[in-house]
ModelCIF file with pLDDT and N, C-alpha, C, O atoms, coordinates in Angstrom:
data_MODEL
#
_entry.id   MODEL 
#
_entity.id                         1 
_entity.type                       polymer 
_entity.pdbx_number_of_molecules   1 
#
_entity_poly.entity_id                      1 
_entity_poly.type                           'polypeptide(L)' 
_entity_poly.nstd_linkage                   no 
_entity_poly.nstd_monomer                   no 
_entity_poly.pdbx_seq_one_letter_code       
;(UNK)(UNK)(UNK)(UNK)(UNK)(UNK)(UNK)(UNK)(UNK)(UNK)(UNK)(UNK)(UNK)(UNK)(UNK)(UNK)
(UNK)(UNK)(UNK)(UNK)(UNK)(UNK)(UNK)(UNK)(UNK)(UNK)(UNK)(UNK)(UNK)(UNK)(UNK)(UNK)
(UNK)(UNK)(UNK)(UNK)(UNK)(UNK)(UNK)(UNK)(UNK)(UNK)(UNK)(UNK)(UNK)(UNK)(UNK)
;
_entity_poly.pdbx_seq_one_letter_code_can   XXXXXXXXXXXXXXXXXXXXXXXXXXXXXXXXXXXXXXXXXXXXXXX 
_entity_poly.pdbx_strand_id                 A 
#
loop_
_entity_poly_seq.entity_id 
_entity_poly_seq.num 
_entity_poly_seq.mon_id 
_entity_poly_seq.hetero 
1 1  UNK n 
1 2  UNK n 
1 3  UNK n 
1 4  UNK n 
1 5  UNK n 
1 6  UNK n 
1 7  UNK n 
1 8  UNK n 
1 9  UNK n 
1 10 UNK n 
1 11 UNK n 
1 12 UNK n 
1 13 UNK n 
1 14 UNK n 
1 15 UNK n 
1 16 UNK n 
1 17 UNK n 
1 18 UNK n 
1 19 UNK n 
1 20 UNK n 
1 21 UNK n 
1 22 UNK n 
1 23 UNK n 
1 24 UNK n 
1 25 UNK n 
1 26 UNK n 
1 27 UNK n 
1 28 UNK n 
1 29 UNK n 
1 30 UNK n 
1 31 UNK n 
1 32 UNK n 
1 33 UNK n 
1 34 UNK n 
1 35 UNK n 
1 36 UNK n 
1 37 UNK n 
1 38 UNK n 
1 39 UNK n 
1 40 UNK n 
1 41 UNK n 
1 42 UNK n 
1 43 UNK n 
1 44 UNK n 
1 45 UNK n 
1 46 UNK n 
1 47 UNK n 
#
_struct_asym.id          A 
_struct_asym.entity_id   1 
#
loop_
_ma_qa_metric.id 
_ma_qa_metric.mode 
_ma_qa_metric.name 
_ma_qa_metric.software_group_id 
_ma_qa_metric.type 
1 global pLDDT . pLDDT 
2 local  pLDDT . pLDDT 
#
_ma_qa_metric_global.metric_id      1 
_ma_qa_metric_global.metric_value   93.06 
_ma_qa_metric_global.model_id       1 
_ma_qa_metric_global.ordinal_id     1 
#
loop_
_ma_qa_metric_local.label_asym_id 
_ma_qa_metric_local.label_comp_id 
_ma_qa_metric_local.label_seq_id 
_ma_qa_metric_local.metric_id 
_ma_qa_metric_local.metric_value 
_ma_qa_metric_local.model_id 
_ma_qa_metric_local.ordinal_id 
A UNK 1  2 87.00 1 1  
A UNK 2  2 90.00 1 2  
A UNK 3  2 91.00 1 3  
A UNK 4  2 92.00 1 4  
A UNK 5  2 92.00 1 5  
A UNK 6  2 94.00 1 6  
A UNK 7  2 96.00 1 7  
A UNK 8  2 95.00 1 8  
A UNK 9  2 95.00 1 9  
A UNK 10 2 94.00 1 10 
A UNK 11 2 94.00 1 11 
A UNK 12 2 94.00 1 12 
A UNK 13 2 92.00 1 13 
A UNK 14 2 92.00 1 14 
A UNK 15 2 94.00 1 15 
A UNK 16 2 94.00 1 16 
A UNK 17 2 93.00 1 17 
A UNK 18 2 94.00 1 18 
A UNK 19 2 93.00 1 19 
A UNK 20 2 93.00 1 20 
A UNK 21 2 95.00 1 21 
A UNK 22 2 95.00 1 22 
A UNK 23 2 95.00 1 23 
A UNK 24 2 95.00 1 24 
A UNK 25 2 94.00 1 25 
A UNK 26 2 92.00 1 26 
A UNK 27 2 91.00 1 27 
A UNK 28 2 92.00 1 28 
A UNK 29 2 94.00 1 29 
A UNK 30 2 96.00 1 30 
A UNK 31 2 97.00 1 31 
A UNK 32 2 96.00 1 32 
A UNK 33 2 95.00 1 33 
A UNK 34 2 94.00 1 34 
A UNK 35 2 93.00 1 35 
A UNK 36 2 93.00 1 36 
A UNK 37 2 94.00 1 37 
A UNK 38 2 94.00 1 38 
A UNK 39 2 92.00 1 39 
A UNK 40 2 87.00 1 40 
A UNK 41 2 85.00 1 41 
A UNK 42 2 90.00 1 42 
A UNK 43 2 90.00 1 43 
A UNK 44 2 94.00 1 44 
A UNK 45 2 94.00 1 45 
A UNK 46 2 94.00 1 46 
A UNK 47 2 94.00 1 47 
#
loop_
_atom_site.group_PDB 
_atom_site.id 
_atom_site.type_symbol 
_atom_site.label_atom_id 
_atom_site.label_alt_id 
_atom_site.label_comp_id 
_atom_site.label_asym_id 
_atom_site.label_entity_id 
_atom_site.label_seq_id 
_atom_site.pdbx_PDB_ins_code 
_atom_site.Cartn_x 
_atom_site.Cartn_y 
_atom_site.Cartn_z 
_atom_site.occupancy 
_atom_site.B_iso_or_equiv 
_atom_site.pdbx_formal_charge 
_atom_site.auth_seq_id 
_atom_site.auth_comp_id 
_atom_site.auth_asym_id 
_atom_site.auth_atom_id 
_atom_site.pdbx_PDB_model_num 
ATOM 1   N N  . UNK A 1 1  ? -44.317 168.326 11.327  1.00 87.00 ? 1  UNK A N  1 
ATOM 2   C CA . UNK A 1 1  ? -43.712 168.903 10.128  1.00 87.00 ? 1  UNK A CA 1 
ATOM 3   C C  . UNK A 1 1  ? -44.398 170.217 9.760   1.00 87.00 ? 1  UNK A C  1 
ATOM 4   O O  . UNK A 1 1  ? -45.580 170.420 10.039  1.00 87.00 ? 1  UNK A O  1 
ATOM 5   N N  . UNK A 1 2  ? -43.627 171.105 9.126   1.00 90.00 ? 2  UNK A N  1 
ATOM 6   C CA . UNK A 1 2  ? -44.182 172.377 8.666   1.00 90.00 ? 2  UNK A CA 1 
ATOM 7   C C  . UNK A 1 2  ? -44.764 172.227 7.262   1.00 90.00 ? 2  UNK A C  1 
ATOM 8   O O  . UNK A 1 2  ? -44.336 171.374 6.485   1.00 90.00 ? 2  UNK A O  1 
ATOM 9   N N  . UNK A 1 3  ? -45.730 173.058 6.958   1.00 91.00 ? 3  UNK A N  1 
ATOM 10  C CA . UNK A 1 3  ? -46.362 173.040 5.646   1.00 91.00 ? 3  UNK A CA 1 
ATOM 11  C C  . UNK A 1 3  ? -45.484 173.787 4.633   1.00 91.00 ? 3  UNK A C  1 
ATOM 12  O O  . UNK A 1 3  ? -44.814 174.763 4.973   1.00 91.00 ? 3  UNK A O  1 
ATOM 13  N N  . UNK A 1 4  ? -45.502 173.314 3.398   1.00 92.00 ? 4  UNK A N  1 
ATOM 14  C CA . UNK A 1 4  ? -44.663 173.884 2.331   1.00 92.00 ? 4  UNK A CA 1 
ATOM 15  C C  . UNK A 1 4  ? -45.543 174.215 1.130   1.00 92.00 ? 4  UNK A C  1 
ATOM 16  O O  . UNK A 1 4  ? -46.482 173.481 0.823   1.00 92.00 ? 4  UNK A O  1 
ATOM 17  N N  . UNK A 1 5  ? -45.239 175.316 0.456   1.00 92.00 ? 5  UNK A N  1 
ATOM 18  C CA . UNK A 1 5  ? -45.996 175.682 -0.731  1.00 92.00 ? 5  UNK A CA 1 
ATOM 19  C C  . UNK A 1 5  ? -45.239 176.661 -1.606  1.00 92.00 ? 5  UNK A C  1 
ATOM 20  O O  . UNK A 1 5  ? -44.093 177.014 -1.329  1.00 92.00 ? 5  UNK A O  1 
ATOM 21  N N  . UNK A 1 6  ? -45.898 177.091 -2.662  1.00 94.00 ? 6  UNK A N  1 
ATOM 22  C CA . UNK A 1 6  ? -45.315 178.066 -3.597  1.00 94.00 ? 6  UNK A CA 1 
ATOM 23  C C  . UNK A 1 6  ? -46.130 179.354 -3.532  1.00 94.00 ? 6  UNK A C  1 
ATOM 24  O O  . UNK A 1 6  ? -47.352 179.347 -3.682  1.00 94.00 ? 6  UNK A O  1 
ATOM 25  N N  . UNK A 1 7  ? -45.420 180.459 -3.303  1.00 96.00 ? 7  UNK A N  1 
ATOM 26  C CA . UNK A 1 7  ? -46.048 181.774 -3.248  1.00 96.00 ? 7  UNK A CA 1 
ATOM 27  C C  . UNK A 1 7  ? -45.751 182.530 -4.541  1.00 96.00 ? 7  UNK A C  1 
ATOM 28  O O  . UNK A 1 7  ? -44.599 182.623 -4.965  1.00 96.00 ? 7  UNK A O  1 
ATOM 29  N N  . UNK A 1 8  ? -46.788 183.061 -5.154  1.00 95.00 ? 8  UNK A N  1 
ATOM 30  C CA . UNK A 1 8  ? -46.624 183.894 -6.353  1.00 95.00 ? 8  UNK A CA 1 
ATOM 31  C C  . UNK A 1 8  ? -46.657 185.360 -5.927  1.00 95.00 ? 8  UNK A C  1 
ATOM 32  O O  . UNK A 1 8  ? -47.639 185.835 -5.355  1.00 95.00 ? 8  UNK A O  1 
ATOM 33  N N  . UNK A 1 9  ? -45.565 186.065 -6.217  1.00 95.00 ? 9  UNK A N  1 
ATOM 34  C CA . UNK A 1 9  ? -45.443 187.476 -5.850  1.00 95.00 ? 9  UNK A CA 1 
ATOM 35  C C  . UNK A 1 9  ? -45.479 188.314 -7.121  1.00 95.00 ? 9  UNK A C  1 
ATOM 36  O O  . UNK A 1 9  ? -44.713 188.072 -8.053  1.00 95.00 ? 9  UNK A O  1 
ATOM 37  N N  . UNK A 1 10 ? -46.365 189.294 -7.155  1.00 94.00 ? 10 UNK A N  1 
ATOM 38  C CA . UNK A 1 10 ? -46.452 190.207 -8.300  1.00 94.00 ? 10 UNK A CA 1 
ATOM 39  C C  . UNK A 1 10 ? -45.968 191.595 -7.887  1.00 94.00 ? 10 UNK A C  1 
ATOM 40  O O  . UNK A 1 10 ? -46.176 192.034 -6.756  1.00 94.00 ? 10 UNK A O  1 
ATOM 41  N N  . UNK A 1 11 ? -45.322 192.270 -8.828  1.00 94.00 ? 11 UNK A N  1 
ATOM 42  C CA . UNK A 1 11 ? -44.803 193.597 -8.528  1.00 94.00 ? 11 UNK A CA 1 
ATOM 43  C C  . UNK A 1 11 ? -43.942 194.123 -9.661  1.00 94.00 ? 11 UNK A C  1 
ATOM 44  O O  . UNK A 1 11 ? -44.035 193.661 -10.798 1.00 94.00 ? 11 UNK A O  1 
ATOM 45  N N  . UNK A 1 12 ? -43.105 195.094 -9.336  1.00 94.00 ? 12 UNK A N  1 
ATOM 46  C CA . UNK A 1 12 ? -42.255 195.717 -10.350 1.00 94.00 ? 12 UNK A CA 1 
ATOM 47  C C  . UNK A 1 12 ? -40.981 194.889 -10.574 1.00 94.00 ? 12 UNK A C  1 
ATOM 48  O O  . UNK A 1 12 ? -40.372 194.389 -9.628  1.00 94.00 ? 12 UNK A O  1 
ATOM 49  N N  . UNK A 1 13 ? -40.602 194.762 -11.836 1.00 92.00 ? 13 UNK A N  1 
ATOM 50  C CA . UNK A 1 13 ? -39.393 194.014 -12.182 1.00 92.00 ? 13 UNK A CA 1 
ATOM 51  C C  . UNK A 1 13 ? -38.192 194.602 -11.448 1.00 92.00 ? 13 UNK A C  1 
ATOM 52  O O  . UNK A 1 13 ? -38.044 195.819 -11.333 1.00 92.00 ? 13 UNK A O  1 
ATOM 53  N N  . UNK A 1 14 ? -37.343 193.708 -10.957 1.00 92.00 ? 14 UNK A N  1 
ATOM 54  C CA . UNK A 1 14 ? -36.143 194.134 -10.253 1.00 92.00 ? 14 UNK A CA 1 
ATOM 55  C C  . UNK A 1 14 ? -36.302 194.228 -8.747  1.00 92.00 ? 14 UNK A C  1 
ATOM 56  O O  . UNK A 1 14 ? -35.318 194.400 -8.028  1.00 92.00 ? 14 UNK A O  1 
ATOM 57  N N  . UNK A 1 15 ? -37.532 194.118 -8.262  1.00 94.00 ? 15 UNK A N  1 
ATOM 58  C CA . UNK A 1 15 ? -37.759 194.177 -6.812  1.00 94.00 ? 15 UNK A CA 1 
ATOM 59  C C  . UNK A 1 15 ? -37.168 192.931 -6.161  1.00 94.00 ? 15 UNK A C  1 
ATOM 60  O O  . UNK A 1 15 ? -37.466 191.810 -6.573  1.00 94.00 ? 15 UNK A O  1 
ATOM 61  N N  . UNK A 1 16 ? -36.334 193.129 -5.150  1.00 94.00 ? 16 UNK A N  1 
ATOM 62  C CA . UNK A 1 16 ? -35.684 192.011 -4.456  1.00 94.00 ? 16 UNK A CA 1 
ATOM 63  C C  . UNK A 1 16 ? -36.534 191.587 -3.257  1.00 94.00 ? 16 UNK A C  1 
ATOM 64  O O  . UNK A 1 16 ? -36.901 192.409 -2.417  1.00 94.00 ? 16 UNK A O  1 
ATOM 65  N N  . UNK A 1 17 ? -36.838 190.293 -3.195  1.00 93.00 ? 17 UNK A N  1 
ATOM 66  C CA . UNK A 1 17 ? -37.593 189.725 -2.074  1.00 93.00 ? 17 UNK A CA 1 
ATOM 67  C C  . UNK A 1 17 ? -36.609 188.955 -1.202  1.00 93.00 ? 17 UNK A C  1 
ATOM 68  O O  . UNK A 1 17 ? -36.103 187.921 -1.639  1.00 93.00 ? 17 UNK A O  1 
ATOM 69  N N  . UNK A 1 18 ? -36.321 189.410 0.003   1.00 94.00 ? 18 UNK A N  1 
ATOM 70  C CA . UNK A 1 18 ? -35.316 188.733 0.834   1.00 94.00 ? 18 UNK A CA 1 
ATOM 71  C C  . UNK A 1 18 ? -35.821 187.415 1.416   1.00 94.00 ? 18 UNK A C  1 
ATOM 72  O O  . UNK A 1 18 ? -37.024 187.173 1.508   1.00 94.00 ? 18 UNK A O  1 
ATOM 73  N N  . UNK A 1 19 ? -34.886 186.589 1.797   1.00 93.00 ? 19 UNK A N  1 
ATOM 74  C CA . UNK A 1 19 ? -35.231 185.375 2.540   1.00 93.00 ? 19 UNK A CA 1 
ATOM 75  C C  . UNK A 1 19 ? -35.874 185.786 3.859   1.00 93.00 ? 19 UNK A C  1 
ATOM 76  O O  . UNK A 1 19 ? -35.390 186.692 4.538   1.00 93.00 ? 19 UNK A O  1 
ATOM 77  N N  . UNK A 1 20 ? -36.976 185.110 4.222   1.00 93.00 ? 20 UNK A N  1 
ATOM 78  C CA . UNK A 1 20 ? -37.666 185.457 5.462   1.00 93.00 ? 20 UNK A CA 1 
ATOM 79  C C  . UNK A 1 20 ? -38.808 186.430 5.274   1.00 93.00 ? 20 UNK A C  1 
ATOM 80  O O  . UNK A 1 20 ? -39.430 186.851 6.249   1.00 93.00 ? 20 UNK A O  1 
ATOM 81  N N  . UNK A 1 21 ? -39.099 186.800 4.012   1.00 95.00 ? 21 UNK A N  1 
ATOM 82  C CA . UNK A 1 21 ? -40.258 187.645 3.710   1.00 95.00 ? 21 UNK A CA 1 
ATOM 83  C C  . UNK A 1 21 ? -41.514 186.893 4.142   1.00 95.00 ? 21 UNK A C  1 
ATOM 84  O O  . UNK A 1 21 ? -41.707 185.736 3.769   1.00 95.00 ? 21 UNK A O  1 
ATOM 85  N N  . UNK A 1 22 ? -42.377 187.558 4.936   1.00 95.00 ? 22 UNK A N  1 
ATOM 86  C CA . UNK A 1 22 ? -43.505 186.851 5.555   1.00 95.00 ? 22 UNK A CA 1 
ATOM 87  C C  . UNK A 1 22 ? -44.857 187.281 4.986   1.00 95.00 ? 22 UNK A C  1 
ATOM 88  O O  . UNK A 1 22 ? -45.115 188.452 4.707   1.00 95.00 ? 22 UNK A O  1 
ATOM 89  N N  . UNK A 1 23 ? -45.705 186.258 4.831   1.00 95.00 ? 23 UNK A N  1 
ATOM 90  C CA . UNK A 1 23 ? -47.089 186.475 4.411   1.00 95.00 ? 23 UNK A CA 1 
ATOM 91  C C  . UNK A 1 23 ? -47.983 185.651 5.329   1.00 95.00 ? 23 UNK A C  1 
ATOM 92  O O  . UNK A 1 23 ? -47.509 184.786 6.064   1.00 95.00 ? 23 UNK A O  1 
ATOM 93  N N  . UNK A 1 24 ? -49.284 185.932 5.275   1.00 95.00 ? 24 UNK A N  1 
ATOM 94  C CA . UNK A 1 24 ? -50.199 185.224 6.173   1.00 95.00 ? 24 UNK A CA 1 
ATOM 95  C C  . UNK A 1 24 ? -51.585 185.122 5.556   1.00 95.00 ? 24 UNK A C  1 
ATOM 96  O O  . UNK A 1 24 ? -51.927 185.834 4.612   1.00 95.00 ? 24 UNK A O  1 
ATOM 97  N N  . UNK A 1 25 ? -52.375 184.206 6.127   1.00 94.00 ? 25 UNK A N  1 
ATOM 98  C CA . UNK A 1 25 ? -53.790 184.101 5.761   1.00 94.00 ? 25 UNK A CA 1 
ATOM 99  C C  . UNK A 1 25 ? -54.586 185.077 6.613   1.00 94.00 ? 25 UNK A C  1 
ATOM 100 O O  . UNK A 1 25 ? -54.051 185.672 7.548   1.00 94.00 ? 25 UNK A O  1 
ATOM 101 N N  . UNK A 1 26 ? -55.853 185.239 6.292   1.00 92.00 ? 26 UNK A N  1 
ATOM 102 C CA . UNK A 1 26 ? -56.720 186.108 7.086   1.00 92.00 ? 26 UNK A CA 1 
ATOM 103 C C  . UNK A 1 26 ? -56.918 185.555 8.492   1.00 92.00 ? 26 UNK A C  1 
ATOM 104 O O  . UNK A 1 26 ? -57.264 186.301 9.408   1.00 92.00 ? 26 UNK A O  1 
ATOM 105 N N  . UNK A 1 27 ? -56.700 184.244 8.671   1.00 91.00 ? 27 UNK A N  1 
ATOM 106 C CA . UNK A 1 27 ? -56.862 183.627 9.992   1.00 91.00 ? 27 UNK A CA 1 
ATOM 107 C C  . UNK A 1 27 ? -55.566 183.626 10.801  1.00 91.00 ? 27 UNK A C  1 
ATOM 108 O O  . UNK A 1 27 ? -55.529 183.125 11.925  1.00 91.00 ? 27 UNK A O  1 
ATOM 109 N N  . UNK A 1 28 ? -54.493 184.196 10.218  1.00 92.00 ? 28 UNK A N  1 
ATOM 110 C CA . UNK A 1 28 ? -53.263 184.363 10.984  1.00 92.00 ? 28 UNK A CA 1 
ATOM 111 C C  . UNK A 1 28 ? -52.224 183.270 10.851  1.00 92.00 ? 28 UNK A C  1 
ATOM 112 O O  . UNK A 1 28 ? -51.301 183.209 11.663  1.00 92.00 ? 28 UNK A O  1 
ATOM 113 N N  . UNK A 1 29 ? -52.341 182.402 9.854   1.00 94.00 ? 29 UNK A N  1 
ATOM 114 C CA . UNK A 1 29 ? -51.319 181.382 9.629   1.00 94.00 ? 29 UNK A CA 1 
ATOM 115 C C  . UNK A 1 29 ? -50.187 182.008 8.810   1.00 94.00 ? 29 UNK A C  1 
ATOM 116 O O  . UNK A 1 29 ? -50.398 182.498 7.701   1.00 94.00 ? 29 UNK A O  1 
ATOM 117 N N  . UNK A 1 30 ? -48.992 181.977 9.380   1.00 96.00 ? 30 UNK A N  1 
ATOM 118 C CA . UNK A 1 30 ? -47.866 182.722 8.813   1.00 96.00 ? 30 UNK A CA 1 
ATOM 119 C C  . UNK A 1 30 ? -46.909 181.791 8.058   1.00 96.00 ? 30 UNK A C  1 
ATOM 120 O O  . UNK A 1 30 ? -46.603 180.688 8.510   1.00 96.00 ? 30 UNK A O  1 
ATOM 121 N N  . UNK A 1 31 ? -46.448 182.268 6.899   1.00 97.00 ? 31 UNK A N  1 
ATOM 122 C CA . UNK A 1 31 ? -45.447 181.569 6.086   1.00 97.00 ? 31 UNK A CA 1 
ATOM 123 C C  . UNK A 1 31 ? -44.314 182.551 5.768   1.00 97.00 ? 31 UNK A C  1 
ATOM 124 O O  . UNK A 1 31 ? -44.507 183.767 5.778   1.00 97.00 ? 31 UNK A O  1 
ATOM 125 N N  . UNK A 1 32 ? -43.118 181.992 5.485   1.00 96.00 ? 32 UNK A N  1 
ATOM 126 C CA . UNK A 1 32 ? -42.004 182.842 5.098   1.00 96.00 ? 32 UNK A CA 1 
ATOM 127 C C  . UNK A 1 32 ? -41.225 182.209 3.951   1.00 96.00 ? 32 UNK A C  1 
ATOM 128 O O  . UNK A 1 32 ? -41.211 180.988 3.792   1.00 96.00 ? 32 UNK A O  1 
ATOM 129 N N  . UNK A 1 33 ? -40.587 183.048 3.167   1.00 95.00 ? 33 UNK A N  1 
ATOM 130 C CA . UNK A 1 33 ? -39.800 182.562 2.028   1.00 95.00 ? 33 UNK A CA 1 
ATOM 131 C C  . UNK A 1 33 ? -38.508 181.919 2.521   1.00 95.00 ? 33 UNK A C  1 
ATOM 132 O O  . UNK A 1 33 ? -37.982 182.296 3.568   1.00 95.00 ? 33 UNK A O  1 
ATOM 133 N N  . UNK A 1 34 ? -38.001 180.952 1.769   1.00 94.00 ? 34 UNK A N  1 
ATOM 134 C CA . UNK A 1 34 ? -36.806 180.219 2.183   1.00 94.00 ? 34 UNK A CA 1 
ATOM 135 C C  . UNK A 1 34 ? -35.554 180.668 1.435   1.00 94.00 ? 34 UNK A C  1 
ATOM 136 O O  . UNK A 1 34 ? -34.458 180.181 1.710   1.00 94.00 ? 34 UNK A O  1 
ATOM 137 N N  . UNK A 1 35 ? -35.716 181.604 0.482   1.00 93.00 ? 35 UNK A N  1 
ATOM 138 C CA . UNK A 1 35 ? -34.568 182.077 -0.279  1.00 93.00 ? 35 UNK A CA 1 
ATOM 139 C C  . UNK A 1 35 ? -34.835 183.489 -0.797  1.00 93.00 ? 35 UNK A C  1 
ATOM 140 O O  . UNK A 1 35 ? -35.981 183.938 -0.850  1.00 93.00 ? 35 UNK A O  1 
ATOM 141 N N  . UNK A 1 36 ? -33.782 184.168 -1.170  1.00 93.00 ? 36 UNK A N  1 
ATOM 142 C CA . UNK A 1 36 ? -33.924 185.500 -1.755  1.00 93.00 ? 36 UNK A CA 1 
ATOM 143 C C  . UNK A 1 36 ? -34.187 185.365 -3.254  1.00 93.00 ? 36 UNK A C  1 
ATOM 144 O O  . UNK A 1 36 ? -33.520 184.592 -3.942  1.00 93.00 ? 36 UNK A O  1 
ATOM 145 N N  . UNK A 1 37 ? -35.168 186.127 -3.756  1.00 94.00 ? 37 UNK A N  1 
ATOM 146 C CA . UNK A 1 37 ? -35.489 186.096 -5.185  1.00 94.00 ? 37 UNK A CA 1 
ATOM 147 C C  . UNK A 1 37 ? -35.707 187.524 -5.683  1.00 94.00 ? 37 UNK A C  1 
ATOM 148 O O  . UNK A 1 37 ? -35.878 188.455 -4.897  1.00 94.00 ? 37 UNK A O  1 
ATOM 149 N N  . UNK A 1 38 ? -35.697 187.669 -6.995  1.00 94.00 ? 38 UNK A N  1 
ATOM 150 C CA . UNK A 1 38 ? -35.928 188.968 -7.617  1.00 94.00 ? 38 UNK A CA 1 
ATOM 151 C C  . UNK A 1 38 ? -37.068 188.842 -8.617  1.00 94.00 ? 38 UNK A C  1 
ATOM 152 O O  . UNK A 1 38 ? -37.103 187.907 -9.418  1.00 94.00 ? 38 UNK A O  1 
ATOM 153 N N  . UNK A 1 39 ? -37.998 189.786 -8.568  1.00 92.00 ? 39 UNK A N  1 
ATOM 154 C CA . UNK A 1 39 ? -39.141 189.754 -9.484  1.00 92.00 ? 39 UNK A CA 1 
ATOM 155 C C  . UNK A 1 39 ? -38.657 189.975 -10.910 1.00 92.00 ? 39 UNK A C  1 
ATOM 156 O O  . UNK A 1 39 ? -37.932 190.926 -11.201 1.00 92.00 ? 39 UNK A O  1 
ATOM 157 N N  . UNK A 1 40 ? -39.080 189.065 -11.797 1.00 87.00 ? 40 UNK A N  1 
ATOM 158 C CA . UNK A 1 40 ? -38.744 189.153 -13.222 1.00 87.00 ? 40 UNK A CA 1 
ATOM 159 C C  . UNK A 1 40 ? -40.044 189.150 -14.005 1.00 87.00 ? 40 UNK A C  1 
ATOM 160 O O  . UNK A 1 40 ? -40.916 188.314 -13.768 1.00 87.00 ? 40 UNK A O  1 
ATOM 161 N N  . UNK A 1 41 ? -40.173 190.063 -14.919 1.00 85.00 ? 41 UNK A N  1 
ATOM 162 C CA . UNK A 1 41 ? -41.363 190.131 -15.763 1.00 85.00 ? 41 UNK A CA 1 
ATOM 163 C C  . UNK A 1 41 ? -42.637 190.214 -14.916 1.00 85.00 ? 41 UNK A C  1 
ATOM 164 O O  . UNK A 1 41 ? -43.613 189.511 -15.178 1.00 85.00 ? 41 UNK A O  1 
ATOM 165 N N  . UNK A 1 42 ? -42.614 191.067 -13.917 1.00 90.00 ? 42 UNK A N  1 
ATOM 166 C CA . UNK A 1 42 ? -43.770 191.441 -13.090 1.00 90.00 ? 42 UNK A CA 1 
ATOM 167 C C  . UNK A 1 42 ? -44.186 190.405 -12.046 1.00 90.00 ? 42 UNK A C  1 
ATOM 168 O O  . UNK A 1 42 ? -45.054 190.701 -11.225 1.00 90.00 ? 42 UNK A O  1 
ATOM 169 N N  . UNK A 1 43 ? -43.598 189.191 -12.042 1.00 90.00 ? 43 UNK A N  1 
ATOM 170 C CA . UNK A 1 43 ? -43.956 188.253 -10.980 1.00 90.00 ? 43 UNK A CA 1 
ATOM 171 C C  . UNK A 1 43 ? -42.875 187.191 -10.824 1.00 90.00 ? 43 UNK A C  1 
ATOM 172 O O  . UNK A 1 43 ? -42.039 186.993 -11.707 1.00 90.00 ? 43 UNK A O  1 
ATOM 173 N N  . UNK A 1 44 ? -42.912 186.516 -9.683  1.00 94.00 ? 44 UNK A N  1 
ATOM 174 C CA . UNK A 1 44 ? -41.939 185.464 -9.384  1.00 94.00 ? 44 UNK A CA 1 
ATOM 175 C C  . UNK A 1 44 ? -42.579 184.458 -8.438  1.00 94.00 ? 44 UNK A C  1 
ATOM 176 O O  . UNK A 1 44 ? -43.364 184.835 -7.567  1.00 94.00 ? 44 UNK A O  1 
ATOM 177 N N  . UNK A 1 45 ? -42.249 183.180 -8.604  1.00 94.00 ? 45 UNK A N  1 
ATOM 178 C CA . UNK A 1 45 ? -42.693 182.127 -7.680  1.00 94.00 ? 45 UNK A CA 1 
ATOM 179 C C  . UNK A 1 45 ? -41.552 181.787 -6.736  1.00 94.00 ? 45 UNK A C  1 
ATOM 180 O O  . UNK A 1 45 ? -40.398 181.692 -7.155  1.00 94.00 ? 45 UNK A O  1 
ATOM 181 N N  . UNK A 1 46 ? -41.878 181.603 -5.453  1.00 94.00 ? 46 UNK A N  1 
ATOM 182 C CA . UNK A 1 46 ? -40.857 181.282 -4.462  1.00 94.00 ? 46 UNK A CA 1 
ATOM 183 C C  . UNK A 1 46 ? -41.428 180.307 -3.441  1.00 94.00 ? 46 UNK A C  1 
ATOM 184 O O  . UNK A 1 46 ? -42.612 180.350 -3.107  1.00 94.00 ? 46 UNK A O  1 
ATOM 185 N N  . UNK A 1 47 ? -40.565 179.438 -2.961  1.00 94.00 ? 47 UNK A N  1 
ATOM 186 C CA . UNK A 1 47 ? -40.984 178.449 -1.964  1.00 94.00 ? 47 UNK A CA 1 
ATOM 187 C C  . UNK A 1 47 ? -41.166 179.118 -0.609  1.00 94.00 ? 47 UNK A C  1 
ATOM 188 O O  . UNK A 1 47 ? -41.517 178.453 0.366   1.00 94.00 ? 47 UNK A O  1 
#
């Protein structure tokens, strides 16, 4: 099974984060978002 978590993204309001946006740890473990979201009030949580 794959690992699941919540990513908090901070930035400018209105910024669109597409599905498949990728982040990683310093050791190279990669995660990607499962849906498209838009930053509201400077930050947004996404699975």
